[in-house]
Protein backbone atom coordinates (compact mmCIF):
# COMPACT_ATOMS: atom_id res chain seq x y z
CA MET A 1 194.25 83.64 128.73
CA ALA A 2 194.99 86.31 126.45
CA TYR A 3 195.50 85.10 122.80
CA GLN A 4 199.27 84.56 121.70
CA VAL A 5 200.04 85.14 117.61
CA LEU A 6 201.72 82.12 116.10
CA ALA A 7 204.94 83.60 115.71
CA ARG A 8 205.23 84.33 119.94
CA LYS A 9 203.83 80.69 120.74
CA TYR A 10 205.82 78.69 118.16
CA ARG A 11 209.11 80.88 118.39
CA SER A 12 211.95 78.30 118.08
CA TRP A 13 213.63 77.87 121.81
CA THR A 14 216.74 75.26 120.49
CA PHE A 15 219.11 75.61 117.53
CA ASP A 16 217.60 72.58 116.19
CA GLU A 17 214.05 74.02 116.17
CA LEU A 18 215.40 77.15 113.85
CA VAL A 19 213.91 76.31 110.35
CA GLY A 20 215.66 76.75 107.12
CA GLN A 21 218.83 78.02 108.68
CA GLU A 22 220.95 74.60 108.91
CA ALA A 23 224.37 75.90 108.63
CA VAL A 24 224.08 78.57 111.29
CA PRO A 25 223.03 76.42 114.06
CA THR A 26 225.53 73.79 113.23
CA THR A 27 228.47 76.69 113.15
CA LEU A 28 227.33 77.91 116.53
CA LYS A 29 226.85 74.51 118.30
CA ASN A 30 230.37 73.53 117.34
CA ALA A 31 231.84 76.80 118.24
CA ILE A 32 230.06 76.14 121.85
CA ALA A 33 231.34 72.40 122.15
CA CYS A 34 234.54 73.67 121.35
CA GLU A 35 234.26 76.31 123.44
CA ARG A 36 235.66 78.90 120.92
CA ILE A 37 232.76 81.53 121.46
CA HIS A 38 233.33 84.93 120.25
CA HIS A 39 233.05 88.30 121.38
CA GLY A 40 230.92 89.61 118.87
CA PHE A 41 228.62 88.15 116.46
CA LEU A 42 226.53 89.63 113.30
CA PHE A 43 223.51 88.18 112.16
CA THR A 44 222.11 89.39 108.60
CA GLY A 45 219.11 88.67 106.37
CA THR A 46 215.89 89.99 105.22
CA ARG A 47 213.17 90.22 108.03
CA GLY A 48 211.43 87.40 109.65
CA VAL A 49 214.07 84.68 108.88
CA GLY A 50 214.96 83.97 112.70
CA LYS A 51 217.55 86.59 113.44
CA THR A 52 216.35 87.58 116.85
CA SER A 53 215.29 83.90 117.58
CA ALA A 54 218.61 82.51 117.14
CA ALA A 55 219.99 85.72 119.23
CA ARG A 56 217.97 84.85 122.33
CA ILE A 57 218.90 80.93 121.56
CA LEU A 58 222.73 81.42 121.76
CA ALA A 59 221.99 83.87 124.72
CA ARG A 60 220.24 81.00 126.46
CA SER A 61 222.77 78.78 125.55
CA LEU A 62 225.95 80.97 127.29
CA ASN A 63 224.04 81.47 130.15
CA CYS A 64 221.64 78.54 130.84
CA LEU A 65 221.94 78.33 134.83
CA LYS A 66 221.01 74.38 134.62
CA ALA A 67 224.27 73.52 132.82
CA GLN A 68 227.57 73.65 134.33
CA GLY A 69 228.63 76.02 131.57
CA PRO A 70 227.74 77.25 128.07
CA THR A 71 225.70 74.52 126.30
CA ALA A 72 224.45 73.76 123.07
CA SER A 73 221.12 72.76 124.49
CA PRO A 74 219.84 75.09 127.01
CA CYS A 75 216.84 74.03 129.55
CA LYS A 76 213.59 75.51 128.97
CA LYS A 77 211.90 75.92 132.30
CA GLY A 78 215.10 77.61 134.27
CA GLU A 79 214.64 81.11 135.55
CA SER A 80 217.18 82.79 133.31
CA CYS A 81 216.31 80.58 130.09
CA THR A 82 212.50 81.98 130.47
CA ALA A 83 213.44 85.41 131.21
CA ILE A 84 215.52 85.20 128.25
CA ALA A 85 212.72 84.10 125.81
CA GLU A 86 210.63 86.63 127.03
CA GLY A 87 212.97 89.67 126.65
CA GLN A 88 213.31 90.27 130.28
CA ASP A 89 216.16 89.22 131.44
CA ILE A 90 218.48 91.66 133.69
CA ASP A 91 222.01 89.94 131.75
CA VAL A 92 220.62 89.99 128.37
CA ILE A 93 219.77 93.34 127.46
CA GLU A 94 217.88 93.88 123.97
CA ILE A 95 218.26 97.21 121.95
CA ASP A 96 216.26 98.43 119.18
CA ALA A 97 218.99 100.50 117.24
CA ALA A 98 216.25 102.23 115.40
CA SER A 99 214.82 104.10 118.49
CA ASN A 100 218.17 104.27 120.52
CA THR A 101 220.50 105.67 117.47
CA GLY A 102 222.36 108.54 119.09
CA VAL A 103 225.91 108.27 120.53
CA ASP A 104 224.61 108.88 124.39
CA ASN A 105 222.82 105.35 124.13
CA ILE A 106 226.07 103.54 123.04
CA ARG A 107 228.02 105.32 125.71
CA GLU A 108 225.39 104.37 128.47
CA LEU A 109 225.88 100.83 127.17
CA ARG A 110 229.50 100.96 127.21
CA SER A 111 229.60 102.28 130.93
CA ASN A 112 227.11 99.61 132.21
CA ALA A 113 229.12 96.73 130.03
CA ALA A 114 231.98 97.34 132.56
CA PHE A 115 230.15 96.05 135.38
CA ARG A 116 230.14 92.42 135.75
CA PRO A 117 226.20 90.29 135.43
CA ALA A 118 224.12 90.23 138.15
CA ARG A 119 223.72 86.53 138.03
CA ALA A 120 224.73 84.72 134.81
CA ARG A 121 228.01 83.89 133.01
CA PHE A 122 227.74 86.93 130.37
CA LYS A 123 226.03 90.27 129.98
CA ILE A 124 224.79 89.85 126.61
CA TYR A 125 223.71 92.92 124.54
CA ILE A 126 221.32 92.15 121.25
CA ILE A 127 221.38 95.22 119.20
CA ASP A 128 218.47 94.81 116.57
CA GLU A 129 218.61 96.87 113.22
CA VAL A 130 222.03 97.90 114.39
CA HIS A 131 222.66 99.59 110.63
CA MET A 132 220.23 102.21 112.17
CA LEU A 133 223.18 103.46 114.72
CA SER A 134 224.43 107.31 114.02
CA THR A 135 228.26 106.96 112.98
CA GLY A 136 229.08 108.83 116.25
CA ALA A 137 226.98 105.78 118.07
CA PHE A 138 229.16 102.93 115.51
CA ASN A 139 232.48 104.58 116.72
CA ALA A 140 231.60 104.67 120.39
CA LEU A 141 230.44 100.90 119.82
CA LEU A 142 233.85 99.99 117.85
CA LYS A 143 236.05 101.34 120.74
CA THR A 144 233.93 98.46 122.96
CA LEU A 145 234.03 95.67 120.29
CA GLU A 146 237.92 96.10 120.01
CA GLU A 147 238.61 95.16 123.56
CA PRO A 148 235.72 94.23 125.23
CA PRO A 149 235.48 92.58 129.16
CA GLY A 150 235.76 89.10 129.02
CA HIS A 151 232.11 89.05 130.45
CA VAL A 152 230.63 90.93 127.69
CA LYS A 153 229.43 89.16 124.25
CA PHE A 154 227.65 91.52 121.38
CA ILE A 155 225.14 89.92 118.98
CA LEU A 156 224.27 92.77 116.31
CA ALA A 157 221.11 91.86 114.01
CA THR A 158 220.73 93.85 110.72
CA THR A 159 218.47 93.31 107.50
CA GLU A 160 220.98 95.68 105.81
CA PRO A 161 224.19 94.54 106.37
CA GLN A 162 225.86 96.64 103.40
CA LYS A 163 225.21 99.94 106.19
CA VAL A 164 227.30 98.70 108.93
CA PRO A 165 230.76 99.87 108.91
CA ALA A 166 233.72 97.47 107.88
CA THR A 167 235.60 98.08 110.93
CA ILE A 168 232.32 96.71 113.02
CA GLN A 169 232.15 93.68 110.89
CA SER A 170 235.52 92.84 110.83
CA ARG A 171 235.36 92.61 114.80
CA CYS A 172 232.36 90.09 114.65
CA LEU A 173 231.73 86.63 113.19
CA ARG A 174 229.04 87.18 110.46
CA PHE A 175 226.09 84.80 109.88
CA ASP A 176 224.07 85.18 106.78
CA PHE A 177 220.49 83.81 107.56
CA ARG A 178 219.13 82.98 104.12
CA SER A 179 215.18 83.25 103.02
CA ILE A 180 213.50 80.22 103.91
CA SER A 181 211.89 77.79 101.17
CA MET A 182 208.10 77.69 100.47
CA ASP A 183 208.10 73.87 101.01
CA GLU A 184 209.97 74.36 104.56
CA ILE A 185 207.50 77.23 105.59
CA ALA A 186 204.48 74.94 104.25
CA ARG A 187 205.90 71.64 106.47
CA HIS A 188 206.48 74.12 109.47
CA PHE A 189 202.58 75.68 109.24
CA ALA A 190 201.41 72.27 108.60
CA ALA A 191 203.40 71.15 112.02
CA ILE A 192 201.77 74.07 113.90
CA LEU A 193 198.35 73.42 112.94
CA LYS A 194 198.35 69.82 113.68
CA LYS A 195 199.08 70.85 117.19
CA GLU A 196 196.36 73.58 117.02
CA GLY A 197 193.99 71.04 116.17
CA ILE A 198 192.81 72.81 113.13
CA GLU A 199 192.60 71.04 109.37
CA ALA A 200 194.04 72.80 106.53
CA ASP A 201 194.63 71.66 102.83
CA ASP A 202 198.08 71.17 101.71
CA ALA A 203 197.53 73.54 98.67
CA VAL A 204 196.20 76.13 101.07
CA LEU A 205 199.33 76.00 103.04
CA ARG A 206 201.57 76.15 99.90
CA ARG A 207 199.72 79.19 98.99
CA ILE A 208 200.05 81.05 102.24
CA ALA A 209 204.22 80.05 102.21
CA ARG A 210 204.28 81.28 98.89
CA LEU A 211 202.82 84.66 99.71
CA ALA A 212 205.10 84.76 102.81
CA ASN A 213 207.99 85.47 100.43
CA GLY A 214 210.66 83.62 102.15
CA SER A 215 209.68 85.15 105.82
CA MET A 216 208.31 82.60 108.54
CA ARG A 217 207.21 85.57 110.62
CA ASP A 218 205.04 87.30 107.62
CA GLY A 219 204.17 83.59 106.96
CA LEU A 220 202.65 83.22 110.54
CA SER A 221 200.86 86.67 110.26
CA LEU A 222 199.10 85.54 107.18
CA LEU A 223 198.09 82.26 108.73
CA ASP A 224 196.68 83.90 111.91
CA GLN A 225 194.70 86.54 109.91
CA LEU A 226 193.43 83.45 108.11
């Protein structure tokens, strides 16, 4: 079996597993419980703090087929949930804005958004690094965000929110992901290494956590390297 890097192997599956972001999952879980689910979300924060993981968790929560409706505790074995986790679900479309910056890309998205999801409750678009879109692309996206179909949800993620137009931000619920503290990263490393059956001094884990500079993904890459 091919080696799976730690950042992928131990990616958060549920809101409760997100490290260092207590406010974000609490708010999202409450929104789902109250059935007050917005059509647009904007996740901001530095790299490696859980934005994409949170986007996939939210997508699983909305589309988990084992539940009767949106749930804050999506299953881990259903076909839809596992496909979303792998980025291969037909109703959850992940777009890298860095390589799809043009207005034609967003026009295609708008055309496809009109069609209902194939098997799930919602058709969900996760647009990573959304600040990389061109002005024309933002204008095209704005038209859909203003009056989206009821079956469509947007989750936008960015490391540079100041580059996202105010017109886009005003139509989304914004969640700011904070940098993860050194202690939280070190504790997460210790838990991972225990599962891996590897011993390490606490001082070493704290040193790696300090070098991670608030980014869990960067820290896990260093841990992999060591």
